Amino acid sequence: MTRPHDLHDDSAWPADRESSRREQMRRFRALPLAEKIKAVEEMERLARTLAEAVERRRR
């Protein structure tokens, strides 16, 4: 059986928010530039979609 941590090269998972944030930043920095741009564009689309959904619920 494959455990989640077997899928990564790290031996331990982050245990707190700050460690998790650092791990996410480390992984993001390791991406090629084109992938970083795609990720930021996707985050922008998601933020817009969520903001629109919140605005619709307020009406």
Foldseek 3Di string as FASTA:
>chain_A
DDDPVNVDPDPDDDDDDVSNVVVVVVVLVPDDPVVNVVVVVVVVVVVVVVVVVVVVVVD
